[in-house]
Amino acid sequence: MAQLASSITTDRLTLRCFEHGDLDGLFAIYGDERVARYLYRDVRDREATRAVLERKITLPTEVGDENVLPVAVESRESGELIGDFMLRWTFNEHRQGETGGSLLPAVHGRGFATEVYAELLVLGFTLFNLHRVFANCDGRNHASIRSLEKAGLQREAHLVENEFVKGEWTDEVILAIRRDEWERQRARR
């Protein structure tokens, strides 16, 4: 488990640790059916959201063998919590990381997810020395797949009807980027 040591700012966003004042914003995300549509979980009520928020806040700050870094995404323009993202990784010999997240539907389509994923890749490859970062997406979630691709991840697999989620068979798309690919992409920019 881990926490961000300090906030990260981009032109439009602040990536930071979660705070108790984030309950309303997080509930706006977790309580929205449009967000839960492609996730393994259903919408969460306010109390379930409060419990998740408390877990995010009380994570230890030290990095261990298995880690989850929860990231609150705040709009710099409005100061509003607009996203819940994470980077999960292990420090074993494989040095694999996984990323994912959700945005408030009102801000979809503005490139915020790509901006967050780009910063999480920086953390994964430079701070945590990962070899590879991947993401799993429901095959119907074209917007998330597109955001990950814009951040530099490439499709590695498309598994057809491999999971039964919320009463229906769904495809799974696996995207990933290795550190050497990420370094080449950054050098070209």
C-alpha atoms as a PDB file:
ATOM      1  CA  MET A   1       0.000   0.000   0.000  1.00  0.00           C
ATOM      2  CA  ALA A   2       1.158   3.532  -0.561  1.00  0.00           C
ATOM      3  CA  GLN A   3       0.135   7.168  -0.664  1.00  0.00           C
ATOM      4  CA  LEU A   4       1.332   9.956  -2.922  1.00  0.00           C
ATOM      5  CA  ALA A   5       4.214  11.733  -1.194  1.00  0.00           C
ATOM      6  CA  SER A   6       3.063  15.033  -2.681  1.00  0.00           C
ATOM      7  CA  SER A   7       0.495  16.300  -5.146  1.00  0.00           C
ATOM      8  CA  ILE A   8       1.193  16.217  -8.861  1.00  0.00           C
ATOM      9  CA  THR A   9      -0.115  19.056 -11.011  1.00  0.00           C
ATOM     10  CA  THR A  10      -0.687  19.157 -14.728  1.00  0.00           C
ATOM     11  CA  ASP A  11      -2.055  22.063 -16.724  1.00  0.00           C
ATOM     12  CA  ARG A  12      -5.625  21.089 -15.831  1.00  0.00           C
ATOM     13  CA  LEU A  13      -5.479  18.620 -12.960  1.00  0.00           C
ATOM     14  CA  THR A  14      -4.147  17.970  -9.489  1.00  0.00           C
ATOM     15  CA  LEU A  15      -3.423  14.360  -8.571  1.00  0.00           C
ATOM     16  CA  ARG A  16      -3.367  13.963  -4.801  1.00  0.00           C
ATOM     17  CA  CYS A  17      -4.216  11.767  -1.833  1.00  0.00           C
ATOM     18  CA  PHE A  18      -7.849  11.352  -0.897  1.00  0.00           C
ATOM     19  CA  GLU A  19      -9.237  13.493   1.948  1.00  0.00           C
ATOM     20  CA  HIS A  20     -12.342  13.273   4.141  1.00  0.00           C
ATOM     21  CA  GLY A  21     -13.843  16.197   2.224  1.00  0.00           C
ATOM     22  CA  ASP A  22     -13.919  14.036  -0.933  1.00  0.00           C
ATOM     23  CA  LEU A  23     -16.994  12.057   0.132  1.00  0.00           C
ATOM     24  CA  ASP A  24     -19.510  14.014  -1.964  1.00  0.00           C
ATOM     25  CA  GLY A  25     -17.302  13.967  -5.042  1.00  0.00           C
ATOM     26  CA  LEU A  26     -16.465  10.281  -4.702  1.00  0.00           C
ATOM     27  CA  PHE A  27     -20.129   9.433  -4.164  1.00  0.00           C
ATOM     28  CA  ALA A  28     -20.993  11.358  -7.349  1.00  0.00           C
ATOM     29  CA  ILE A  29     -18.641   8.977  -9.179  1.00  0.00           C
ATOM     30  CA  TYR A  30     -19.441   5.713  -7.348  1.00  0.00           C
ATOM     31  CA  GLY A  31     -23.184   6.325  -7.257  1.00  0.00           C
ATOM     32  CA  ASP A  32     -23.520   6.862 -11.009  1.00  0.00           C
ATOM     33  CA  GLU A  33     -24.709   3.910 -13.104  1.00  0.00           C
ATOM     34  CA  ARG A  34     -22.799   5.255 -16.126  1.00  0.00           C
ATOM     35  CA  VAL A  35     -19.549   4.825 -14.187  1.00  0.00           C
ATOM     36  CA  ALA A  36     -20.397   1.360 -12.837  1.00  0.00           C
ATOM     37  CA  ARG A  37     -21.580   0.090 -16.237  1.00  0.00           C
ATOM     38  CA  TYR A  38     -18.246  -1.430 -17.252  1.00  0.00           C
ATOM     39  CA  LEU A  39     -16.918  -2.229 -13.772  1.00  0.00           C
ATOM     40  CA  TYR A  40     -17.174  -5.485 -11.821  1.00  0.00           C
ATOM     41  CA  ARG A  41     -19.141  -3.739  -9.099  1.00  0.00           C
ATOM     42  CA  ASP A  42     -22.518  -2.057  -9.012  1.00  0.00           C
ATOM     43  CA  VAL A  43     -23.180   1.524  -7.940  1.00  0.00           C
ATOM     44  CA  ARG A  44     -22.303   2.215  -4.326  1.00  0.00           C
ATOM     45  CA  ASP A  45     -24.499   4.010  -1.830  1.00  0.00           C
ATOM     46  CA  ARG A  46     -23.158   6.831   0.330  1.00  0.00           C
ATOM     47  CA  GLU A  47     -22.202   4.580   3.270  1.00  0.00           C
ATOM     48  CA  ALA A  48     -20.330   2.110   1.062  1.00  0.00           C
ATOM     49  CA  THR A  49     -18.555   5.063  -0.554  1.00  0.00           C
ATOM     50  CA  ARG A  50     -17.644   6.416   2.888  1.00  0.00           C
ATOM     51  CA  ALA A  51     -16.084   3.038   3.809  1.00  0.00           C
ATOM     52  CA  VAL A  52     -14.024   2.960   0.587  1.00  0.00           C
ATOM     53  CA  LEU A  53     -12.894   6.545   1.148  1.00  0.00           C
ATOM     54  CA  GLU A  54     -11.799   5.724   4.697  1.00  0.00           C
ATOM     55  CA  ARG A  55      -9.692   2.811   3.407  1.00  0.00           C
ATOM     56  CA  LYS A  56      -8.071   5.079   0.819  1.00  0.00           C
ATOM     57  CA  ILE A  57      -7.239   7.705   3.437  1.00  0.00           C
ATOM     58  CA  THR A  58      -5.804   5.302   5.996  1.00  0.00           C
ATOM     59  CA  LEU A  59      -3.427   3.455   3.679  1.00  0.00           C
ATOM     60  CA  PRO A  60       0.126   3.482   4.993  1.00  0.00           C
ATOM     61  CA  THR A  61       2.601   5.849   3.379  1.00  0.00           C
ATOM     62  CA  GLU A  62       5.427   3.343   3.055  1.00  0.00           C
ATOM     63  CA  VAL A  63       5.876   1.230  -0.042  1.00  0.00           C
ATOM     64  CA  GLY A  64       5.932  -2.538   0.450  1.00  0.00           C
ATOM     65  CA  ASP A  65       6.046  -5.685  -1.637  1.00  0.00           C
ATOM     66  CA  GLU A  66       2.455  -5.308  -2.873  1.00  0.00           C
ATOM     67  CA  ASN A  67       1.130  -1.802  -3.344  1.00  0.00           C
ATOM     68  CA  VAL A  68      -1.949   0.149  -4.332  1.00  0.00           C
ATOM     69  CA  LEU A  69      -1.610   3.865  -4.878  1.00  0.00           C
ATOM     70  CA  PRO A  70      -5.059   5.524  -4.824  1.00  0.00           C
ATOM     71  CA  VAL A  71      -5.128   8.843  -6.660  1.00  0.00           C
ATOM     72  CA  ALA A  72      -7.769  11.524  -6.250  1.00  0.00           C
ATOM     73  CA  VAL A  73      -8.098  13.642  -9.393  1.00  0.00           C
ATOM     74  CA  GLU A  74      -9.155  17.238  -8.899  1.00  0.00           C
ATOM     75  CA  SER A  75      -9.951  19.843 -11.533  1.00  0.00           C
ATOM     76  CA  ARG A  76      -7.613  22.804 -11.110  1.00  0.00           C
ATOM     77  CA  GLU A  77     -10.254  25.071 -12.610  1.00  0.00           C
ATOM     78  CA  SER A  78     -13.121  24.149 -10.278  1.00  0.00           C
ATOM     79  CA  GLY A  79     -11.327  22.483  -7.349  1.00  0.00           C
ATOM     80  CA  GLU A  80     -13.851  19.653  -7.688  1.00  0.00           C
ATOM     81  CA  LEU A  81     -12.991  15.953  -7.304  1.00  0.00           C
ATOM     82  CA  ILE A  82     -13.568  14.506 -10.774  1.00  0.00           C
ATOM     83  CA  GLY A  83     -11.740  11.179 -10.708  1.00  0.00           C
ATOM     84  CA  ASP A  84     -10.652   8.102  -8.797  1.00  0.00           C
ATOM     85  CA  PHE A  85      -7.598   6.353 -10.255  1.00  0.00           C
ATOM     86  CA  MET A  86      -5.024   3.874  -9.033  1.00  0.00           C
ATOM     87  CA  LEU A  87      -1.680   2.303  -9.741  1.00  0.00           C
ATOM     88  CA  ARG A  88      -1.170  -1.191  -8.315  1.00  0.00           C
ATOM     89  CA  TRP A  89       2.180  -2.973  -8.429  1.00  0.00           C
ATOM     90  CA  THR A  90       4.494  -5.516  -6.872  1.00  0.00           C
ATOM     91  CA  PHE A  91       8.190  -5.348  -6.166  1.00  0.00           C
ATOM     92  CA  ASN A  92       8.846  -8.959  -7.104  1.00  0.00           C
ATOM     93  CA  GLU A  93      11.116  -9.937  -9.991  1.00  0.00           C
ATOM     94  CA  HIS A  94       8.369  -9.278 -12.571  1.00  0.00           C
ATOM     95  CA  ARG A  95       7.919  -5.572 -11.641  1.00  0.00           C
ATOM     96  CA  GLN A  96       4.406  -5.402 -13.126  1.00  0.00           C
ATOM     97  CA  GLY A  97       1.993  -2.549 -12.563  1.00  0.00           C
ATOM     98  CA  GLU A  98      -1.715  -2.159 -13.268  1.00  0.00           C
ATOM     99  CA  THR A  99      -3.616   1.070 -13.733  1.00  0.00           C
ATOM    100  CA  GLY A 100      -7.262   2.017 -13.952  1.00  0.00           C
ATOM    101  CA  GLY A 101      -9.757   4.602 -12.888  1.00  0.00           C
ATOM    102  CA  SER A 102     -13.059   6.367 -13.241  1.00  0.00           C
ATOM    103  CA  LEU A 103     -14.087   9.919 -14.024  1.00  0.00           C
ATOM    104  CA  LEU A 104     -17.203  11.879 -13.194  1.00  0.00           C
ATOM    105  CA  PRO A 105     -19.419  11.524 -16.302  1.00  0.00           C
ATOM    106  CA  ALA A 106     -19.815  15.317 -16.584  1.00  0.00           C
ATOM    107  CA  VAL A 107     -16.129  15.566 -17.563  1.00  0.00           C
ATOM    108  CA  HIS A 108     -15.947  12.646 -19.992  1.00  0.00           C
ATOM    109  CA  GLY A 109     -14.513  13.343 -23.416  1.00  0.00           C
ATOM    110  CA  ARG A 110     -12.062  16.072 -22.385  1.00  0.00           C
ATOM    111  CA  GLY A 111      -8.860  14.009 -22.295  1.00  0.00           C
ATOM    112  CA  PHE A 112      -8.554  13.999 -18.506  1.00  0.00           C
ATOM    113  CA  ALA A 113      -8.146  10.209 -18.264  1.00  0.00           C
ATOM    114  CA  THR A 114      -5.265  10.271 -20.752  1.00  0.00           C
ATOM    115  CA  GLU A 115      -3.638  13.046 -18.719  1.00  0.00           C
ATOM    116  CA  VAL A 116      -3.927  11.005 -15.510  1.00  0.00           C
ATOM    117  CA  TYR A 117      -2.645   7.802 -17.113  1.00  0.00           C
ATOM    118  CA  ALA A 118       0.371   9.667 -18.486  1.00  0.00           C
ATOM    119  CA  GLU A 119       1.300  10.824 -14.963  1.00  0.00           C
ATOM    120  CA  LEU A 120       0.741   7.361 -13.488  1.00  0.00           C
ATOM    121  CA  LEU A 121       3.122   5.939 -16.090  1.00  0.00           C
ATOM    122  CA  VAL A 122       5.760   8.468 -15.031  1.00  0.00           C
ATOM    123  CA  LEU A 123       5.356   7.314 -11.416  1.00  0.00           C
ATOM    124  CA  GLY A 124       5.392   3.651 -12.329  1.00  0.00           C
ATOM    125  CA  PHE A 125       8.470   3.772 -14.509  1.00  0.00           C
ATOM    126  CA  THR A 126      10.582   6.430 -12.806  1.00  0.00           C
ATOM    127  CA  LEU A 127       9.696   6.237  -9.119  1.00  0.00           C
ATOM    128  CA  PHE A 128       8.810   2.563  -8.773  1.00  0.00           C
ATOM    129  CA  ASN A 129      11.087   1.202 -11.526  1.00  0.00           C
ATOM    130  CA  LEU A 130       8.395  -0.984 -13.089  1.00  0.00           C
ATOM    131  CA  HIS A 131       9.102  -3.050 -16.183  1.00  0.00           C
ATOM    132  CA  ARG A 132       5.540  -3.035 -17.542  1.00  0.00           C
ATOM    133  CA  VAL A 133       2.213  -1.341 -16.789  1.00  0.00           C
ATOM    134  CA  PHE A 134      -1.055  -2.852 -18.013  1.00  0.00           C
ATOM    135  CA  ALA A 135      -4.792  -2.203 -17.892  1.00  0.00           C
ATOM    136  CA  ASN A 136      -7.801  -4.469 -18.350  1.00  0.00           C
ATOM    137  CA  CYS A 137     -10.954  -3.010 -19.907  1.00  0.00           C
ATOM    138  CA  ASP A 138     -14.387  -4.269 -20.714  1.00  0.00           C
ATOM    139  CA  GLY A 139     -14.299  -4.549 -24.504  1.00  0.00           C
ATOM    140  CA  ARG A 140     -17.377  -2.318 -24.787  1.00  0.00           C
ATOM    141  CA  ASN A 141     -15.703   0.544 -22.954  1.00  0.00           C
ATOM    142  CA  HIS A 142     -14.289   2.217 -26.056  1.00  0.00           C
ATOM    143  CA  ALA A 143     -13.636   5.545 -24.314  1.00  0.00           C
ATOM    144  CA  SER A 144     -11.368   3.975 -21.679  1.00  0.00           C
ATOM    145  CA  ILE A 145      -9.525   1.917 -24.270  1.00  0.00           C
ATOM    146  CA  ARG A 146      -8.972   5.051 -26.363  1.00  0.00           C
ATOM    147  CA  SER A 147      -7.687   7.008 -23.322  1.00  0.00           C
ATOM    148  CA  LEU A 148      -5.182   4.285 -22.485  1.00  0.00           C
ATOM    149  CA  GLU A 149      -4.001   4.100 -26.095  1.00  0.00           C
ATOM    150  CA  LYS A 150      -3.524   7.870 -26.207  1.00  0.00           C
ATOM    151  CA  ALA A 151      -1.393   7.561 -23.048  1.00  0.00           C
ATOM    152  CA  GLY A 152       0.813   5.095 -24.932  1.00  0.00           C
ATOM    153  CA  LEU A 153      -0.485   1.662 -23.962  1.00  0.00           C
ATOM    154  CA  GLN A 154      -0.969  -0.811 -26.790  1.00  0.00           C
ATOM    155  CA  ARG A 155      -3.509  -3.592 -27.169  1.00  0.00           C
ATOM    156  CA  GLU A 156      -1.944  -6.902 -26.294  1.00  0.00           C
ATOM    157  CA  ALA A 157      -5.038  -9.089 -26.238  1.00  0.00           C
ATOM    158  CA  HIS A 158      -8.737  -9.102 -26.946  1.00  0.00           C
ATOM    159  CA  LEU A 159     -10.384 -11.972 -25.105  1.00  0.00           C
ATOM    160  CA  VAL A 160     -13.811 -12.746 -26.548  1.00  0.00           C
ATOM    161  CA  GLU A 161     -16.679 -13.336 -24.110  1.00  0.00           C
ATOM    162  CA  ASN A 162     -14.246 -14.485 -21.432  1.00  0.00           C
ATOM    163  CA  GLU A 163     -16.146 -13.059 -18.440  1.00  0.00           C
ATOM    164  CA  PHE A 164     -19.736 -13.166 -17.292  1.00  0.00           C
ATOM    165  CA  VAL A 165     -20.360  -9.735 -15.750  1.00  0.00           C
ATOM    166  CA  LYS A 166     -23.700  -8.383 -14.543  1.00  0.00           C
ATOM    167  CA  GLY A 167     -25.666 -11.043 -16.350  1.00  0.00           C
ATOM    168  CA  GLU A 168     -23.934 -10.974 -19.717  1.00  0.00           C
ATOM    169  CA  TRP A 169     -20.830 -12.246 -21.444  1.00  0.00           C
ATOM    170  CA  THR A 170     -18.280  -9.538 -22.081  1.00  0.00           C
ATOM    171  CA  ASP A 171     -14.995  -9.225 -23.896  1.00  0.00           C
ATOM    172  CA  GLU A 172     -11.843  -8.094 -22.144  1.00  0.00           C
ATOM    173  CA  VAL A 173      -9.181  -5.931 -23.766  1.00  0.00           C
ATOM    174  CA  ILE A 174      -5.711  -5.953 -22.235  1.00  0.00           C
ATOM    175  CA  LEU A 175      -3.448  -2.996 -22.958  1.00  0.00           C
ATOM    176  CA  ALA A 176       0.128  -2.518 -21.781  1.00  0.00           C
ATOM    177  CA  ILE A 177       3.357  -0.632 -22.201  1.00  0.00           C
ATOM    178  CA  ARG A 178       6.874  -1.648 -21.274  1.00  0.00           C
ATOM    179  CA  ARG A 179       9.380   0.773 -19.826  1.00  0.00           C
ATOM    180  CA  ASP A 180      11.572   0.733 -22.961  1.00  0.00           C
ATOM    181  CA  GLU A 181       8.560   1.533 -25.176  1.00  0.00           C
ATOM    182  CA  TRP A 182       7.535   4.343 -22.817  1.00  0.00           C
ATOM    183  CA  GLU A 183      11.063   5.809 -22.885  1.00  0.00           C
ATOM    184  CA  ARG A 184      11.095   5.743 -26.713  1.00  0.00           C
ATOM    185  CA  GLN A 185       7.712   7.487 -26.837  1.00  0.00           C
ATOM    186  CA  ARG A 186       8.894  10.201 -24.449  1.00  0.00           C
ATOM    187  CA  ALA A 187      12.076  10.744 -26.460  1.00  0.00           C
ATOM    188  CA  ARG A 188       9.985  11.346 -29.619  1.00  0.00           C
ATOM    189  CA  ARG A 189       7.898  14.105 -27.945  1.00  0.00           C
END
